[in-house]
N, C-alpha and C. Protein backbone atom coordinates (compact mmCIF):
# COMPACT_ATOMS: atom_id res chain seq x y z
N MET A 1 -10.64 -34.08 0.37
CA MET A 1 -10.65 -33.90 -1.07
C MET A 1 -9.95 -32.59 -1.42
N ALA A 2 -8.95 -32.64 -2.22
CA ALA A 2 -8.23 -31.45 -2.65
C ALA A 2 -8.94 -30.84 -3.85
N ILE A 3 -8.96 -29.51 -3.88
CA ILE A 3 -9.54 -28.81 -5.02
C ILE A 3 -8.50 -27.87 -5.59
N GLY A 4 -8.60 -27.59 -6.85
CA GLY A 4 -7.72 -26.59 -7.44
C GLY A 4 -8.21 -25.22 -7.03
N LEU A 5 -7.31 -24.40 -6.55
CA LEU A 5 -7.70 -23.09 -6.07
C LEU A 5 -6.63 -22.09 -6.47
N THR A 6 -7.05 -21.01 -7.08
CA THR A 6 -6.13 -19.95 -7.45
C THR A 6 -6.61 -18.65 -6.80
N LEU A 7 -5.71 -18.00 -6.09
CA LEU A 7 -6.01 -16.70 -5.50
C LEU A 7 -5.17 -15.65 -6.21
N GLN A 8 -5.81 -14.57 -6.57
CA GLN A 8 -5.12 -13.48 -7.24
C GLN A 8 -4.96 -12.33 -6.25
N PRO A 9 -3.75 -11.95 -5.88
CA PRO A 9 -3.59 -10.81 -4.97
C PRO A 9 -4.19 -9.54 -5.56
N VAL A 10 -4.82 -8.76 -4.68
CA VAL A 10 -5.36 -7.46 -5.09
C VAL A 10 -4.47 -6.33 -4.61
N GLY A 11 -3.47 -6.67 -3.79
CA GLY A 11 -2.56 -5.67 -3.26
C GLY A 11 -1.50 -6.30 -2.39
N VAL A 12 -0.74 -5.44 -1.72
CA VAL A 12 0.38 -5.89 -0.89
C VAL A 12 0.49 -4.99 0.35
N VAL A 13 0.93 -5.60 1.45
CA VAL A 13 1.10 -4.89 2.72
C VAL A 13 2.50 -4.29 2.79
N HIS A 14 2.57 -3.07 3.31
CA HIS A 14 3.86 -2.42 3.58
C HIS A 14 3.86 -1.94 5.03
N ASN A 15 4.89 -2.33 5.78
CA ASN A 15 5.08 -1.84 7.14
C ASN A 15 6.53 -2.11 7.56
N GLU A 16 6.84 -1.85 8.81
CA GLU A 16 8.21 -1.98 9.30
C GLU A 16 8.54 -3.39 9.79
N ILE A 17 7.56 -4.29 9.80
CA ILE A 17 7.77 -5.65 10.31
C ILE A 17 8.22 -6.54 9.16
N THR A 18 9.46 -7.01 9.22
CA THR A 18 10.01 -7.80 8.12
C THR A 18 10.14 -9.28 8.42
N GLU A 19 9.99 -9.66 9.68
CA GLU A 19 10.10 -11.06 10.07
C GLU A 19 8.82 -11.50 10.77
N PRO A 20 8.35 -12.73 10.50
CA PRO A 20 7.16 -13.22 11.20
C PRO A 20 7.48 -13.50 12.66
N THR A 21 7.03 -12.62 13.54
CA THR A 21 7.30 -12.75 14.97
C THR A 21 6.00 -12.49 15.73
N HIS A 22 6.07 -12.67 17.03
CA HIS A 22 4.93 -12.34 17.88
C HIS A 22 5.06 -10.86 18.26
N GLU A 23 4.30 -10.02 17.58
CA GLU A 23 4.32 -8.57 17.81
C GLU A 23 3.07 -8.17 18.58
N ASP A 24 3.09 -6.96 19.12
CA ASP A 24 1.85 -6.36 19.60
C ASP A 24 1.23 -5.69 18.38
N TRP A 25 0.53 -6.49 17.60
CA TRP A 25 0.02 -6.04 16.31
C TRP A 25 -0.97 -4.89 16.43
N SER A 26 -1.60 -4.72 17.60
CA SER A 26 -2.58 -3.65 17.74
C SER A 26 -1.96 -2.27 17.56
N ARG A 27 -0.65 -2.18 17.69
CA ARG A 27 0.04 -0.89 17.56
C ARG A 27 0.71 -0.70 16.19
N VAL A 28 0.67 -1.73 15.35
CA VAL A 28 1.37 -1.67 14.07
C VAL A 28 0.52 -0.93 13.03
N ASN A 29 1.12 0.10 12.45
CA ASN A 29 0.49 0.82 11.33
C ASN A 29 1.03 0.25 10.04
N SER A 30 0.15 0.01 9.09
CA SER A 30 0.53 -0.55 7.80
C SER A 30 -0.14 0.24 6.69
N ARG A 31 0.43 0.07 5.51
CA ARG A 31 -0.20 0.57 4.29
C ARG A 31 -0.53 -0.64 3.43
N ILE A 32 -1.69 -0.64 2.85
CA ILE A 32 -2.03 -1.66 1.87
C ILE A 32 -2.06 -0.97 0.52
N GLU A 33 -1.13 -1.35 -0.33
CA GLU A 33 -1.08 -0.81 -1.68
C GLU A 33 -1.96 -1.69 -2.56
N VAL A 34 -3.09 -1.16 -2.99
CA VAL A 34 -4.00 -1.90 -3.86
C VAL A 34 -3.52 -1.71 -5.29
N TYR A 35 -3.43 -2.80 -6.03
CA TYR A 35 -2.94 -2.73 -7.40
C TYR A 35 -3.88 -1.90 -8.26
N PRO A 36 -3.33 -1.16 -9.23
CA PRO A 36 -4.12 -0.19 -10.02
C PRO A 36 -5.40 -0.76 -10.61
N GLU A 37 -5.37 -1.98 -11.10
CA GLU A 37 -6.56 -2.54 -11.74
C GLU A 37 -7.70 -2.77 -10.74
N TYR A 38 -7.37 -2.83 -9.44
CA TYR A 38 -8.39 -3.04 -8.40
C TYR A 38 -8.74 -1.75 -7.65
N ALA A 39 -7.99 -0.68 -7.87
CA ALA A 39 -8.19 0.57 -7.14
C ALA A 39 -9.61 1.13 -7.26
N PRO A 40 -10.28 1.04 -8.42
CA PRO A 40 -11.65 1.55 -8.48
C PRO A 40 -12.59 0.84 -7.48
N GLY A 41 -12.25 -0.36 -7.07
CA GLY A 41 -13.05 -1.10 -6.11
C GLY A 41 -13.02 -0.51 -4.71
N LEU A 42 -12.16 0.47 -4.47
CA LEU A 42 -12.07 1.12 -3.16
C LEU A 42 -13.11 2.23 -2.98
N ALA A 43 -13.83 2.59 -4.03
CA ALA A 43 -14.80 3.68 -3.96
C ALA A 43 -15.80 3.44 -2.84
N GLY A 44 -15.91 4.40 -1.93
CA GLY A 44 -16.85 4.32 -0.82
C GLY A 44 -16.29 3.69 0.44
N LEU A 45 -15.11 3.07 0.35
CA LEU A 45 -14.53 2.41 1.53
C LEU A 45 -14.18 3.41 2.63
N GLU A 46 -13.90 4.65 2.25
CA GLU A 46 -13.52 5.68 3.23
C GLU A 46 -14.65 5.99 4.22
N ASP A 47 -15.86 5.54 3.94
CA ASP A 47 -16.98 5.78 4.85
C ASP A 47 -17.02 4.79 6.02
N TRP A 48 -16.15 3.80 6.01
CA TRP A 48 -16.12 2.77 7.05
C TRP A 48 -14.97 3.03 8.01
N SER A 49 -15.15 2.70 9.28
CA SER A 49 -14.08 2.89 10.26
C SER A 49 -13.16 1.67 10.35
N HIS A 50 -13.66 0.50 9.96
CA HIS A 50 -12.88 -0.73 10.05
C HIS A 50 -13.10 -1.58 8.80
N ILE A 51 -12.10 -2.36 8.48
CA ILE A 51 -12.19 -3.28 7.35
C ILE A 51 -11.68 -4.65 7.78
N VAL A 52 -12.05 -5.65 6.99
CA VAL A 52 -11.53 -7.00 7.17
C VAL A 52 -10.58 -7.26 6.01
N VAL A 53 -9.35 -7.65 6.36
CA VAL A 53 -8.32 -7.91 5.35
C VAL A 53 -8.05 -9.41 5.31
N VAL A 54 -8.11 -9.99 4.11
CA VAL A 54 -7.81 -11.40 3.90
C VAL A 54 -6.48 -11.45 3.15
N TYR A 55 -5.55 -12.24 3.66
CA TYR A 55 -4.20 -12.25 3.09
C TYR A 55 -3.59 -13.64 3.16
N VAL A 56 -2.49 -13.79 2.46
CA VAL A 56 -1.75 -15.05 2.45
C VAL A 56 -0.49 -14.87 3.29
N MET A 57 -0.32 -15.73 4.29
CA MET A 57 0.86 -15.66 5.16
C MET A 57 2.04 -16.32 4.42
N HIS A 58 2.60 -15.59 3.49
CA HIS A 58 3.56 -16.11 2.52
C HIS A 58 4.89 -16.57 3.12
N ARG A 59 5.20 -16.16 4.33
CA ARG A 59 6.47 -16.58 4.94
C ARG A 59 6.26 -17.62 6.03
N ALA A 60 5.03 -18.07 6.22
CA ALA A 60 4.74 -19.12 7.19
C ALA A 60 4.81 -20.48 6.49
N ALA A 61 4.85 -21.52 7.28
CA ALA A 61 4.85 -22.89 6.75
C ALA A 61 4.03 -23.76 7.68
N PHE A 62 3.51 -24.85 7.16
CA PHE A 62 2.72 -25.77 7.97
C PHE A 62 3.34 -27.15 7.86
N ASP A 63 3.68 -27.72 9.00
CA ASP A 63 4.18 -29.09 9.10
C ASP A 63 3.15 -29.85 9.92
N ILE A 64 2.44 -30.77 9.31
CA ILE A 64 1.34 -31.45 9.98
C ILE A 64 1.80 -32.18 11.24
N THR A 65 3.02 -32.67 11.26
CA THR A 65 3.51 -33.39 12.45
C THR A 65 3.86 -32.44 13.59
N ARG A 66 4.20 -31.20 13.28
CA ARG A 66 4.58 -30.23 14.30
C ARG A 66 3.46 -29.25 14.65
N ASP A 67 2.65 -28.88 13.66
CA ASP A 67 1.73 -27.75 13.84
C ASP A 67 0.27 -28.12 14.01
N LEU A 68 -0.13 -29.35 13.73
CA LEU A 68 -1.54 -29.71 13.84
C LEU A 68 -2.03 -29.64 15.28
N VAL A 69 -1.18 -30.09 16.22
CA VAL A 69 -1.46 -29.97 17.65
C VAL A 69 -0.22 -29.35 18.27
N ARG A 70 -0.40 -28.22 18.94
CA ARG A 70 0.74 -27.48 19.49
C ARG A 70 0.29 -26.61 20.66
N ARG A 71 1.25 -26.02 21.34
CA ARG A 71 0.94 -25.10 22.44
C ARG A 71 0.97 -23.67 21.90
N PRO A 72 -0.07 -22.88 22.17
CA PRO A 72 -0.06 -21.49 21.72
C PRO A 72 1.20 -20.75 22.17
N GLY A 73 1.78 -20.02 21.25
CA GLY A 73 3.00 -19.27 21.55
C GLY A 73 4.18 -20.16 21.86
N ASP A 74 4.03 -21.47 21.62
CA ASP A 74 5.08 -22.45 21.95
C ASP A 74 5.48 -22.36 23.42
N LEU A 75 4.53 -22.00 24.27
CA LEU A 75 4.79 -21.84 25.70
C LEU A 75 4.39 -23.11 26.47
N ASP A 76 5.28 -23.59 27.32
CA ASP A 76 4.99 -24.78 28.12
C ASP A 76 3.79 -24.59 29.04
N SER A 77 3.50 -23.35 29.41
CA SER A 77 2.38 -23.06 30.31
C SER A 77 1.02 -23.12 29.61
N MET A 78 1.03 -23.23 28.28
CA MET A 78 -0.21 -23.28 27.52
C MET A 78 -0.62 -24.73 27.26
N PRO A 79 -1.92 -25.00 27.13
CA PRO A 79 -2.37 -26.37 26.84
C PRO A 79 -2.06 -26.76 25.40
N GLU A 80 -1.93 -28.05 25.14
CA GLU A 80 -1.79 -28.53 23.77
C GLU A 80 -3.16 -28.47 23.12
N LEU A 81 -3.23 -27.81 21.97
CA LEU A 81 -4.50 -27.59 21.28
C LEU A 81 -4.35 -27.84 19.79
N GLY A 82 -5.43 -28.20 19.15
CA GLY A 82 -5.44 -28.31 17.71
C GLY A 82 -5.32 -26.94 17.06
N ILE A 83 -4.78 -26.91 15.86
CA ILE A 83 -4.54 -25.65 15.16
C ILE A 83 -5.83 -24.88 14.93
N PHE A 84 -6.97 -25.57 14.79
CA PHE A 84 -8.22 -24.88 14.53
C PHE A 84 -8.81 -24.25 15.79
N ALA A 85 -8.19 -24.48 16.95
CA ALA A 85 -8.63 -23.87 18.21
C ALA A 85 -7.72 -22.72 18.62
N GLN A 86 -6.86 -22.28 17.71
CA GLN A 86 -5.95 -21.18 18.01
C GLN A 86 -5.70 -20.34 16.77
N ARG A 87 -5.00 -19.23 16.96
CA ARG A 87 -4.80 -18.29 15.86
C ARG A 87 -3.35 -18.24 15.39
N ALA A 88 -2.66 -19.34 15.49
CA ALA A 88 -1.25 -19.41 15.07
C ALA A 88 -1.13 -19.19 13.56
N ARG A 89 0.04 -18.71 13.15
CA ARG A 89 0.25 -18.44 11.72
C ARG A 89 0.56 -19.70 10.93
N HIS A 90 0.94 -20.77 11.58
CA HIS A 90 1.27 -22.03 10.88
C HIS A 90 -0.01 -22.83 10.69
N ARG A 91 -0.67 -22.60 9.56
CA ARG A 91 -1.99 -23.17 9.28
C ARG A 91 -1.94 -24.00 8.01
N PRO A 92 -2.87 -24.94 7.86
CA PRO A 92 -2.84 -25.78 6.66
C PRO A 92 -2.87 -25.00 5.35
N ASN A 93 -3.60 -23.89 5.28
CA ASN A 93 -3.69 -23.14 4.03
C ASN A 93 -3.12 -21.73 4.10
N LEU A 94 -2.50 -21.35 5.19
CA LEU A 94 -1.77 -20.09 5.32
C LEU A 94 -2.60 -18.85 4.99
N ILE A 95 -3.90 -18.94 5.25
CA ILE A 95 -4.80 -17.81 5.03
C ILE A 95 -4.93 -17.03 6.32
N GLY A 96 -4.77 -15.72 6.25
CA GLY A 96 -4.96 -14.85 7.40
C GLY A 96 -6.16 -13.95 7.16
N ILE A 97 -6.85 -13.63 8.25
CA ILE A 97 -7.98 -12.70 8.17
C ILE A 97 -7.98 -11.87 9.44
N THR A 98 -8.02 -10.55 9.29
CA THR A 98 -7.95 -9.66 10.44
C THR A 98 -8.85 -8.45 10.23
N ALA A 99 -9.60 -8.10 11.26
CA ALA A 99 -10.37 -6.85 11.26
C ALA A 99 -9.44 -5.76 11.78
N VAL A 100 -9.34 -4.66 11.05
CA VAL A 100 -8.42 -3.59 11.39
C VAL A 100 -9.11 -2.24 11.31
N ALA A 101 -8.52 -1.27 12.00
CA ALA A 101 -9.00 0.11 11.91
C ALA A 101 -8.52 0.71 10.58
N LEU A 102 -9.43 1.32 9.87
CA LEU A 102 -9.09 2.01 8.62
C LEU A 102 -8.80 3.46 8.97
N LEU A 103 -7.53 3.85 8.84
CA LEU A 103 -7.11 5.20 9.20
C LEU A 103 -7.27 6.19 8.06
N GLY A 104 -7.27 5.67 6.83
CA GLY A 104 -7.41 6.57 5.70
C GLY A 104 -7.31 5.85 4.37
N VAL A 105 -7.88 6.48 3.36
CA VAL A 105 -7.79 6.00 1.99
C VAL A 105 -7.17 7.14 1.19
N GLU A 106 -6.02 6.86 0.60
CA GLU A 106 -5.31 7.87 -0.18
C GLU A 106 -5.02 7.29 -1.55
N GLY A 107 -5.88 7.60 -2.52
CA GLY A 107 -5.74 7.01 -3.85
C GLY A 107 -5.94 5.50 -3.77
N SER A 108 -4.92 4.76 -4.14
CA SER A 108 -5.01 3.30 -4.10
C SER A 108 -4.32 2.71 -2.87
N THR A 109 -4.07 3.56 -1.87
CA THR A 109 -3.40 3.10 -0.65
C THR A 109 -4.33 3.23 0.55
N LEU A 110 -4.41 2.16 1.33
CA LEU A 110 -5.17 2.17 2.58
C LEU A 110 -4.18 2.25 3.73
N ARG A 111 -4.46 3.12 4.68
CA ARG A 111 -3.67 3.17 5.91
C ARG A 111 -4.49 2.48 6.99
N VAL A 112 -3.89 1.48 7.65
CA VAL A 112 -4.61 0.69 8.65
C VAL A 112 -3.77 0.50 9.90
N ARG A 113 -4.45 0.16 11.00
CA ARG A 113 -3.76 -0.16 12.25
C ARG A 113 -4.28 -1.51 12.75
N GLY A 114 -3.33 -2.37 13.17
CA GLY A 114 -3.70 -3.64 13.78
C GLY A 114 -3.62 -4.84 12.85
N LEU A 115 -3.07 -4.68 11.67
CA LEU A 115 -2.97 -5.79 10.73
C LEU A 115 -1.77 -6.67 11.10
N ASP A 116 -2.02 -7.93 11.39
CA ASP A 116 -0.95 -8.85 11.80
C ASP A 116 -0.35 -9.54 10.58
N ALA A 117 0.24 -8.73 9.71
CA ALA A 117 0.87 -9.21 8.49
C ALA A 117 2.18 -8.45 8.30
N ILE A 118 3.19 -9.16 7.83
CA ILE A 118 4.50 -8.55 7.65
C ILE A 118 4.61 -7.84 6.30
N ASP A 119 5.65 -7.04 6.17
CA ASP A 119 5.92 -6.31 4.94
C ASP A 119 6.00 -7.28 3.76
N GLY A 120 5.31 -6.96 2.67
CA GLY A 120 5.33 -7.79 1.48
C GLY A 120 4.23 -8.84 1.42
N THR A 121 3.37 -8.89 2.42
CA THR A 121 2.30 -9.88 2.45
C THR A 121 1.28 -9.61 1.36
N PRO A 122 0.95 -10.64 0.55
CA PRO A 122 -0.08 -10.47 -0.47
C PRO A 122 -1.48 -10.38 0.15
N VAL A 123 -2.25 -9.40 -0.28
CA VAL A 123 -3.64 -9.23 0.16
C VAL A 123 -4.54 -9.80 -0.94
N VAL A 124 -5.49 -10.67 -0.55
CA VAL A 124 -6.36 -11.30 -1.55
C VAL A 124 -7.79 -10.78 -1.51
N ASP A 125 -8.18 -10.08 -0.43
CA ASP A 125 -9.51 -9.48 -0.40
C ASP A 125 -9.58 -8.44 0.71
N ILE A 126 -10.49 -7.49 0.53
CA ILE A 126 -10.74 -6.42 1.50
C ILE A 126 -12.25 -6.26 1.56
N LYS A 127 -12.78 -6.25 2.79
CA LYS A 127 -14.22 -6.07 2.96
C LYS A 127 -14.46 -5.06 4.08
N PRO A 128 -15.54 -4.30 4.02
CA PRO A 128 -15.86 -3.43 5.15
C PRO A 128 -16.29 -4.29 6.34
N TYR A 129 -15.90 -3.85 7.54
CA TYR A 129 -16.32 -4.54 8.76
C TYR A 129 -17.73 -4.06 9.09
N ALA A 130 -18.67 -4.99 9.10
CA ALA A 130 -20.07 -4.67 9.40
C ALA A 130 -20.48 -5.42 10.66
N PRO A 131 -20.69 -4.71 11.77
CA PRO A 131 -21.00 -5.37 13.03
C PRO A 131 -22.18 -6.34 12.95
N ILE A 132 -23.16 -6.05 12.10
CA ILE A 132 -24.31 -6.94 11.99
C ILE A 132 -23.90 -8.33 11.49
N TYR A 133 -22.82 -8.39 10.69
CA TYR A 133 -22.33 -9.67 10.17
C TYR A 133 -21.11 -10.16 10.94
N ASP A 134 -20.22 -9.24 11.27
CA ASP A 134 -18.90 -9.61 11.79
C ASP A 134 -18.79 -9.55 13.31
N GLY A 135 -19.65 -8.83 13.97
CA GLY A 135 -19.56 -8.66 15.42
C GLY A 135 -20.29 -9.77 16.16
N VAL A 136 -19.73 -10.18 17.27
CA VAL A 136 -20.34 -11.17 18.14
C VAL A 136 -20.47 -10.56 19.53
N ILE A 137 -21.64 -10.64 20.11
CA ILE A 137 -21.85 -10.10 21.45
C ILE A 137 -21.54 -11.18 22.48
N ASN A 138 -20.68 -10.86 23.42
CA ASN A 138 -20.31 -11.76 24.52
C ASN A 138 -19.83 -13.13 24.07
N PRO A 139 -18.80 -13.20 23.23
CA PRO A 139 -18.29 -14.51 22.81
C PRO A 139 -17.58 -15.22 23.97
N LEU A 140 -17.58 -16.53 23.94
CA LEU A 140 -16.85 -17.32 24.93
C LEU A 140 -15.40 -17.43 24.48
N VAL A 141 -14.48 -17.02 25.34
CA VAL A 141 -13.05 -17.07 25.05
C VAL A 141 -12.38 -17.85 26.18
N PRO A 142 -11.57 -18.88 25.86
CA PRO A 142 -10.94 -19.69 26.91
C PRO A 142 -9.99 -18.87 27.79
N ALA A 143 -9.86 -19.29 29.03
CA ALA A 143 -8.99 -18.60 29.99
C ALA A 143 -7.54 -18.58 29.52
N TRP A 144 -7.06 -19.67 28.90
CA TRP A 144 -5.67 -19.71 28.43
C TRP A 144 -5.41 -18.60 27.42
N PHE A 145 -6.40 -18.29 26.59
CA PHE A 145 -6.23 -17.26 25.57
C PHE A 145 -6.09 -15.89 26.23
N MET A 146 -6.90 -15.64 27.25
CA MET A 146 -6.81 -14.37 27.95
C MET A 146 -5.45 -14.23 28.64
N ARG A 147 -4.93 -15.32 29.23
CA ARG A 147 -3.59 -15.28 29.85
C ARG A 147 -2.53 -14.99 28.80
N LEU A 148 -2.64 -15.62 27.64
CA LEU A 148 -1.67 -15.41 26.57
C LEU A 148 -1.69 -13.96 26.10
N MET A 149 -2.86 -13.38 25.93
CA MET A 149 -2.99 -12.00 25.45
C MET A 149 -2.49 -11.00 26.50
N GLN A 150 -2.54 -11.36 27.76
CA GLN A 150 -2.06 -10.49 28.82
C GLN A 150 -0.57 -10.68 29.09
N GLY A 151 0.05 -11.59 28.31
CA GLY A 151 1.48 -11.82 28.46
C GLY A 151 1.86 -12.70 29.63
N ALA A 152 0.86 -13.30 30.27
CA ALA A 152 1.15 -14.13 31.45
C ALA A 152 1.50 -15.55 31.07
N GLY A 153 1.09 -16.00 29.88
CA GLY A 153 1.38 -17.35 29.45
C GLY A 153 0.93 -18.29 30.42
């Protein structure tokens, strides 16, 4: 069932990454420019070390025949998996969510590290990372994922 849904960006990402590629995102520093009308909502955020950023992957696309079942990283050494079992950018609704280190709050600008979003990405929400809600102790992670993250494919 399709529903009407409207998302209003609250800000935009700025960084040196201009093309959607497989980066080592953990090393990428970004700025999130929060639009002036939403800037008062940042009050108190500086007390947190990490935040969760929700954004729209505006340069990605989803083709149900190509992307619903695929190999992570498009690598032949990876198993064929459904899109909901992986973190690929080609998703049915192009929504991204990432927990990142908050390096600083300067007026209406957030400095963050580890955001896997390219320059110009619309941000639709920002939340503090709270381990009691967001943290999982000893999660099960498939072996293929660990190989992919280690670059072994």
